[in-house]
Amino acid sequence: MKKVFKFFSVVFLFVIAFMLGVLYKENELKDVLIGLGYKEKELKPVLAKVDTSLPIEGQVKDALKLLLR
């Protein structure tokens, strides 16, 4: 029973860490674009289309391409 509890505790912590990492990446991109002068309202549709698996530099490049269309 203890092994099962320990396993699920580790899985739970991994999921939480992953979710926090994803949220941080999304907020980082948003912060960069707001720093460049874009409004949050115009960023919402763009942020949904950007590949968050890219490094932040790639995300910014893709977001700027979408914003300049």
PDB file of N, CA and C in Angstrom:
ATOM      1  N   MET A   1       0.812  -1.195   0.000  1.00  0.00           N
ATOM      2  CA  MET A   1       0.000   0.000   0.000  1.00  0.00           C
ATOM      3  C   MET A   1       0.861   1.266   0.000  1.00  0.00           C
ATOM      4  N   LYS A   2       1.959   1.247   0.761  1.00  0.00           N
ATOM      5  CA  LYS A   2       2.834   2.408   0.815  1.00  0.00           C
ATOM      6  C   LYS A   2       3.478   2.682  -0.534  1.00  0.00           C
ATOM      7  N   LYS A   3       3.826   1.610  -1.268  1.00  0.00           N
ATOM      8  CA  LYS A   3       4.449   1.795  -2.582  1.00  0.00           C
ATOM      9  C   LYS A   3       3.471   2.439  -3.563  1.00  0.00           C
ATOM     10  N   VAL A   4       2.221   2.048  -3.505  1.00  0.00           N
ATOM     11  CA  VAL A   4       1.208   2.621  -4.390  1.00  0.00           C
ATOM     12  C   VAL A   4       1.021   4.106  -4.067  1.00  0.00           C
ATOM     13  N   PHE A   5       0.948   4.414  -2.789  1.00  0.00           N
ATOM     14  CA  PHE A   5       0.796   5.809  -2.386  1.00  0.00           C
ATOM     15  C   PHE A   5       1.997   6.635  -2.832  1.00  0.00           C
ATOM     16  N   LYS A   6       3.178   6.090  -2.639  1.00  0.00           N
ATOM     17  CA  LYS A   6       4.397   6.792  -3.036  1.00  0.00           C
ATOM     18  C   LYS A   6       4.413   7.014  -4.552  1.00  0.00           C
ATOM     19  N   PHE A   7       4.026   6.005  -5.310  1.00  0.00           N
ATOM     20  CA  PHE A   7       3.984   6.118  -6.772  1.00  0.00           C
ATOM     21  C   PHE A   7       3.043   7.237  -7.206  1.00  0.00           C
ATOM     22  N   PHE A   8       1.825   7.256  -6.663  1.00  0.00           N
ATOM     23  CA  PHE A   8       0.868   8.282  -7.037  1.00  0.00           C
ATOM     24  C   PHE A   8       1.297   9.667  -6.554  1.00  0.00           C
ATOM     25  N   SER A   9       1.987   9.738  -5.452  1.00  0.00           N
ATOM     26  CA  SER A   9       2.509  11.021  -4.980  1.00  0.00           C
ATOM     27  C   SER A   9       3.538  11.571  -5.964  1.00  0.00           C
ATOM     28  N   VAL A  10       4.405  10.706  -6.447  1.00  0.00           N
ATOM     29  CA  VAL A  10       5.422  11.123  -7.410  1.00  0.00           C
ATOM     30  C   VAL A  10       4.761  11.544  -8.723  1.00  0.00           C
ATOM     31  N   VAL A  11       3.795  10.782  -9.186  1.00  0.00           N
ATOM     32  CA  VAL A  11       3.086  11.119 -10.421  1.00  0.00           C
ATOM     33  C   VAL A  11       2.374  12.458 -10.264  1.00  0.00           C
ATOM     34  N   PHE A  12       1.723  12.655  -9.139  1.00  0.00           N
ATOM     35  CA  PHE A  12       1.018  13.912  -8.883  1.00  0.00           C
ATOM     36  C   PHE A  12       1.987  15.092  -8.907  1.00  0.00           C
ATOM     37  N   LEU A  13       3.123  14.967  -8.251  1.00  0.00           N
ATOM     38  CA  LEU A  13       4.115  16.043  -8.231  1.00  0.00           C
ATOM     39  C   LEU A  13       4.667  16.315  -9.626  1.00  0.00           C
ATOM     40  N   PHE A  14       4.863  15.268 -10.417  1.00  0.00           N
ATOM     41  CA  PHE A  14       5.344  15.433 -11.785  1.00  0.00           C
ATOM     42  C   PHE A  14       4.332  16.207 -12.626  1.00  0.00           C
ATOM     43  N   VAL A  15       3.069  15.867 -12.493  1.00  0.00           N
ATOM     44  CA  VAL A  15       2.018  16.548 -13.252  1.00  0.00           C
ATOM     45  C   VAL A  15       1.946  18.024 -12.857  1.00  0.00           C
ATOM     46  N   ILE A  16       2.013  18.314 -11.579  1.00  0.00           N
ATOM     47  CA  ILE A  16       1.978  19.699 -11.100  1.00  0.00           C
ATOM     48  C   ILE A  16       3.185  20.465 -11.641  1.00  0.00           C
ATOM     49  N   ALA A  17       4.367  19.870 -11.586  1.00  0.00           N
ATOM     50  CA  ALA A  17       5.576  20.537 -12.083  1.00  0.00           C
ATOM     51  C   ALA A  17       5.462  20.808 -13.579  1.00  0.00           C
ATOM     52  N   PHE A  18       4.931  19.853 -14.317  1.00  0.00           N
ATOM     53  CA  PHE A  18       4.758  20.023 -15.766  1.00  0.00           C
ATOM     54  C   PHE A  18       3.791  21.166 -16.058  1.00  0.00           C
ATOM     55  N   MET A  19       2.680  21.205 -15.349  1.00  0.00           N
ATOM     56  CA  MET A  19       1.683  22.239 -15.566  1.00  0.00           C
ATOM     57  C   MET A  19       2.245  23.623 -15.231  1.00  0.00           C
ATOM     58  N   LEU A  20       2.999  23.724 -14.170  1.00  0.00           N
ATOM     59  CA  LEU A  20       3.609  25.004 -13.809  1.00  0.00           C
ATOM     60  C   LEU A  20       4.613  25.443 -14.860  1.00  0.00           C
ATOM     61  N   GLY A  21       5.356  24.508 -15.412  1.00  0.00           N
ATOM     62  CA  GLY A  21       6.310  24.826 -16.470  1.00  0.00           C
ATOM     63  C   GLY A  21       5.609  25.350 -17.708  1.00  0.00           C
ATOM     64  N   VAL A  22       4.529  24.731 -18.094  1.00  0.00           N
ATOM     65  CA  VAL A  22       3.761  25.168 -19.264  1.00  0.00           C
ATOM     66  C   VAL A  22       3.182  26.555 -19.017  1.00  0.00           C
ATOM     67  N   LEU A  23       2.620  26.769 -17.854  1.00  0.00           N
ATOM     68  CA  LEU A  23       2.043  28.078 -17.540  1.00  0.00           C
ATOM     69  C   LEU A  23       3.121  29.149 -17.522  1.00  0.00           C
ATOM     70  N   TYR A  24       4.283  28.813 -16.999  1.00  0.00           N
ATOM     71  CA  TYR A  24       5.375  29.793 -16.963  1.00  0.00           C
ATOM     72  C   TYR A  24       5.793  30.172 -18.373  1.00  0.00           C
ATOM     73  N   LYS A  25       5.899  29.180 -19.263  1.00  0.00           N
ATOM     74  CA  LYS A  25       6.303  29.460 -20.639  1.00  0.00           C
ATOM     75  C   LYS A  25       5.295  30.374 -21.322  1.00  0.00           C
ATOM     76  N   GLU A  26       4.019  30.128 -21.120  1.00  0.00           N
ATOM     77  CA  GLU A  26       2.991  30.955 -21.741  1.00  0.00           C
ATOM     78  C   GLU A  26       3.051  32.380 -21.202  1.00  0.00           C
ATOM     79  N   ASN A  27       3.228  32.527 -19.900  1.00  0.00           N
ATOM     80  CA  ASN A  27       3.300  33.859 -19.309  1.00  0.00           C
ATOM     81  C   ASN A  27       4.566  34.584 -19.735  1.00  0.00           C
ATOM     82  N   GLU A  28       5.645  33.846 -19.920  1.00  0.00           N
ATOM     83  CA  GLU A  28       6.898  34.462 -20.344  1.00  0.00           C
ATOM     84  C   GLU A  28       6.743  35.080 -21.734  1.00  0.00           C
ATOM     85  N   LEU A  29       6.140  34.351 -22.645  1.00  0.00           N
ATOM     86  CA  LEU A  29       5.922  34.861 -23.991  1.00  0.00           C
ATOM     87  C   LEU A  29       5.006  36.079 -23.950  1.00  0.00           C
ATOM     88  N   LYS A  30       3.943  35.986 -23.189  1.00  0.00           N
ATOM     89  CA  LYS A  30       3.008  37.105 -23.072  1.00  0.00           C
ATOM     90  C   LYS A  30       3.710  38.334 -22.512  1.00  0.00           C
ATOM     91  N   ASP A  31       4.544  38.148 -21.505  1.00  0.00           N
ATOM     92  CA  ASP A  31       5.272  39.268 -20.902  1.00  0.00           C
ATOM     93  C   ASP A  31       6.222  39.921 -21.899  1.00  0.00           C
ATOM     94  N   VAL A  32       6.891  39.114 -22.704  1.00  0.00           N
ATOM     95  CA  VAL A  32       7.804  39.650 -23.716  1.00  0.00           C
ATOM     96  C   VAL A  32       7.029  40.495 -24.722  1.00  0.00           C
ATOM     97  N   LEU A  33       5.917  39.967 -25.211  1.00  0.00           N
ATOM     98  CA  LEU A  33       5.138  40.677 -26.224  1.00  0.00           C
ATOM     99  C   LEU A  33       4.494  41.948 -25.664  1.00  0.00           C
ATOM    100  N   ILE A  34       4.056  41.912 -24.422  1.00  0.00           N
ATOM    101  CA  ILE A  34       3.521  43.116 -23.783  1.00  0.00           C
ATOM    102  C   ILE A  34       4.640  44.148 -23.623  1.00  0.00           C
ATOM    103  N   GLY A  35       5.840  43.665 -23.303  1.00  0.00           N
ATOM    104  CA  GLY A  35       6.999  44.557 -23.201  1.00  0.00           C
ATOM    105  C   GLY A  35       7.337  45.225 -24.525  1.00  0.00           C
ATOM    106  N   LEU A  36       6.981  44.578 -25.620  1.00  0.00           N
ATOM    107  CA  LEU A  36       7.204  45.148 -26.947  1.00  0.00           C
ATOM    108  C   LEU A  36       6.089  46.107 -27.359  1.00  0.00           C
ATOM    109  N   GLY A  37       5.067  46.239 -26.511  1.00  0.00           N
ATOM    110  CA  GLY A  37       4.015  47.212 -26.772  1.00  0.00           C
ATOM    111  C   GLY A  37       2.687  46.650 -27.234  1.00  0.00           C
ATOM    112  N   TYR A  38       2.575  45.347 -27.343  1.00  0.00           N
ATOM    113  CA  TYR A  38       1.301  44.749 -27.751  1.00  0.00           C
ATOM    114  C   TYR A  38       0.347  44.703 -26.569  1.00  0.00           C
ATOM    115  N   LYS A  39      -0.937  44.785 -26.854  1.00  0.00           N
ATOM    116  CA  LYS A  39      -1.978  44.727 -25.826  1.00  0.00           C
ATOM    117  C   LYS A  39      -2.411  43.281 -25.613  1.00  0.00           C
ATOM    118  N   GLU A  40      -2.780  42.965 -24.382  1.00  0.00           N
ATOM    119  CA  GLU A  40      -3.191  41.600 -24.039  1.00  0.00           C
ATOM    120  C   GLU A  40      -4.358  41.131 -24.909  1.00  0.00           C
ATOM    121  N   LYS A  41      -5.253  42.038 -25.240  1.00  0.00           N
ATOM    122  CA  LYS A  41      -6.424  41.691 -26.048  1.00  0.00           C
ATOM    123  C   LYS A  41      -6.014  41.140 -27.421  1.00  0.00           C
ATOM    124  N   GLU A  42      -5.006  41.741 -28.055  1.00  0.00           N
ATOM    125  CA  GLU A  42      -4.583  41.284 -29.374  1.00  0.00           C
ATOM    126  C   GLU A  42      -3.680  40.055 -29.311  1.00  0.00           C
ATOM    127  N   LEU A  43      -3.200  39.708 -28.120  1.00  0.00           N
ATOM    128  CA  LEU A  43      -2.302  38.564 -27.970  1.00  0.00           C
ATOM    129  C   LEU A  43      -3.036  37.235 -27.806  1.00  0.00           C
ATOM    130  N   LYS A  44      -4.249  37.265 -27.285  1.00  0.00           N
ATOM    131  CA  LYS A  44      -4.960  36.020 -26.979  1.00  0.00           C
ATOM    132  C   LYS A  44      -5.027  35.046 -28.158  1.00  0.00           C
ATOM    133  N   PRO A  45      -5.462  35.473 -29.343  1.00  0.00           N
ATOM    134  CA  PRO A  45      -5.528  34.508 -30.452  1.00  0.00           C
ATOM    135  C   PRO A  45      -4.149  34.049 -30.924  1.00  0.00           C
ATOM    136  N   VAL A  46      -3.163  34.911 -30.776  1.00  0.00           N
ATOM    137  CA  VAL A  46      -1.803  34.559 -31.212  1.00  0.00           C
ATOM    138  C   VAL A  46      -1.179  33.543 -30.261  1.00  0.00           C
ATOM    139  N   LEU A  47      -1.338  33.752 -28.967  1.00  0.00           N
ATOM    140  CA  LEU A  47      -0.744  32.845 -27.985  1.00  0.00           C
ATOM    141  C   LEU A  47      -1.281  31.425 -28.137  1.00  0.00           C
ATOM    142  N   ALA A  48      -2.506  31.295 -28.568  1.00  0.00           N
ATOM    143  CA  ALA A  48      -3.102  29.969 -28.749  1.00  0.00           C
ATOM    144  C   ALA A  48      -2.471  29.223 -29.929  1.00  0.00           C
ATOM    145  N   LYS A  49      -1.884  29.951 -30.869  1.00  0.00           N
ATOM    146  CA  LYS A  49      -1.329  29.329 -32.073  1.00  0.00           C
ATOM    147  C   LYS A  49       0.170  29.041 -31.990  1.00  0.00           C
ATOM    148  N   VAL A  50       0.854  29.615 -31.016  1.00  0.00           N
ATOM    149  CA  VAL A  50       2.306  29.472 -30.916  1.00  0.00           C
ATOM    150  C   VAL A  50       2.661  28.130 -30.283  1.00  0.00           C
ATOM    151  N   ASP A  51       3.651  27.472 -30.855  1.00  0.00           N
ATOM    152  CA  ASP A  51       4.132  26.176 -30.359  1.00  0.00           C
ATOM    153  C   ASP A  51       4.969  26.396 -29.097  1.00  0.00           C
ATOM    154  N   THR A  52       4.436  26.006 -27.951  1.00  0.00           N
ATOM    155  CA  THR A  52       5.121  26.239 -26.679  1.00  0.00           C
ATOM    156  C   THR A  52       6.270  25.269 -26.429  1.00  0.00           C
ATOM    157  N   SER A  53       6.461  24.299 -27.317  1.00  0.00           N
ATOM    158  CA  SER A  53       7.598  23.399 -27.142  1.00  0.00           C
ATOM    159  C   SER A  53       8.884  24.023 -27.673  1.00  0.00           C
ATOM    160  N   LEU A  54       8.756  25.131 -28.413  1.00  0.00           N
ATOM    161  CA  LEU A  54       9.931  25.837 -28.919  1.00  0.00           C
ATOM    162  C   LEU A  54      10.593  26.621 -27.796  1.00  0.00           C
ATOM    163  N   PRO A  55      11.893  26.921 -27.952  1.00  0.00           N
ATOM    164  CA  PRO A  55      12.518  27.831 -26.988  1.00  0.00           C
ATOM    165  C   PRO A  55      11.846  29.202 -27.083  1.00  0.00           C
ATOM    166  N   ILE A  56      12.006  30.024 -26.065  1.00  0.00           N
ATOM    167  CA  ILE A  56      11.313  31.306 -26.014  1.00  0.00           C
ATOM    168  C   ILE A  56      11.639  32.171 -27.232  1.00  0.00           C
ATOM    169  N   GLU A  57      12.862  32.077 -27.733  1.00  0.00           N
ATOM    170  CA  GLU A  57      13.229  32.873 -28.907  1.00  0.00           C
ATOM    171  C   GLU A  57      12.381  32.487 -30.114  1.00  0.00           C
ATOM    172  N   GLY A  58      12.180  31.199 -30.305  1.00  0.00           N
ATOM    173  CA  GLY A  58      11.353  30.707 -31.406  1.00  0.00           C
ATOM    174  C   GLY A  58       9.897  31.079 -31.229  1.00  0.00           C
ATOM    175  N   GLN A  59       9.432  31.038 -29.995  1.00  0.00           N
ATOM    176  CA  GLN A  59       8.045  31.423 -29.712  1.00  0.00           C
ATOM    177  C   GLN A  59       7.817  32.893 -30.044  1.00  0.00           C
ATOM    178  N   VAL A  60       8.762  33.740 -29.662  1.00  0.00           N
ATOM    179  CA  VAL A  60       8.630  35.172 -29.940  1.00  0.00           C
ATOM    180  C   VAL A  60       8.637  35.407 -31.448  1.00  0.00           C
ATOM    181  N   LYS A  61       9.532  34.739 -32.143  1.00  0.00           N
ATOM    182  CA  LYS A  61       9.620  34.895 -33.593  1.00  0.00           C
ATOM    183  C   LYS A  61       8.304  34.487 -34.255  1.00  0.00           C
ATOM    184  N   ASP A  62       7.764  33.346 -33.865  1.00  0.00           N
ATOM    185  CA  ASP A  62       6.482  32.880 -34.436  1.00  0.00           C
ATOM    186  C   ASP A  62       5.339  33.833 -34.084  1.00  0.00           C
ATOM    187  N   ALA A  63       5.313  34.299 -32.852  1.00  0.00           N
ATOM    188  CA  ALA A  63       4.233  35.204 -32.432  1.00  0.00           C
ATOM    189  C   ALA A  63       4.300  36.510 -33.219  1.00  0.00           C
ATOM    190  N   LEU A  64       5.511  37.034 -33.423  1.00  0.00           N
ATOM    191  CA  LEU A  64       5.639  38.284 -34.166  1.00  0.00           C
ATOM    192  C   LEU A  64       5.205  38.106 -35.632  1.00  0.00           C
ATOM    193  N   LYS A  65       5.520  36.941 -36.204  1.00  0.00           N
ATOM    194  CA  LYS A  65       5.056  36.669 -37.575  1.00  0.00           C
ATOM    195  C   LYS A  65       3.533  36.691 -37.645  1.00  0.00           C
ATOM    196  N   LEU A  66       2.888  36.078 -36.652  1.00  0.00           N
ATOM    197  CA  LEU A  66       1.429  36.051 -36.625  1.00  0.00           C
ATOM    198  C   LEU A  66       0.843  37.440 -36.379  1.00  0.00           C
ATOM    199  N   LEU A  67       1.481  38.220 -35.545  1.00  0.00           N
ATOM    200  CA  LEU A  67       0.978  39.553 -35.231  1.00  0.00           C
ATOM    201  C   LEU A  67       1.128  40.514 -36.407  1.00  0.00           C
ATOM    202  N   LEU A  68       2.118  40.288 -37.247  1.00  0.00           N
ATOM    203  CA  LEU A  68       2.385  41.200 -38.357  1.00  0.00           C
ATOM    204  C   LEU A  68       1.575  40.860 -39.610  1.00  0.00           C
ATOM    205  N   ARG A  69       0.755  39.838 -39.552  1.00  0.00           N
ATOM    206  CA  ARG A  69      -0.086  39.467 -40.711  1.00  0.00           C
ATOM    207  C   ARG A  69      -1.200  40.459 -40.902  1.00  0.00           C
TER     208      ARG A  69
END
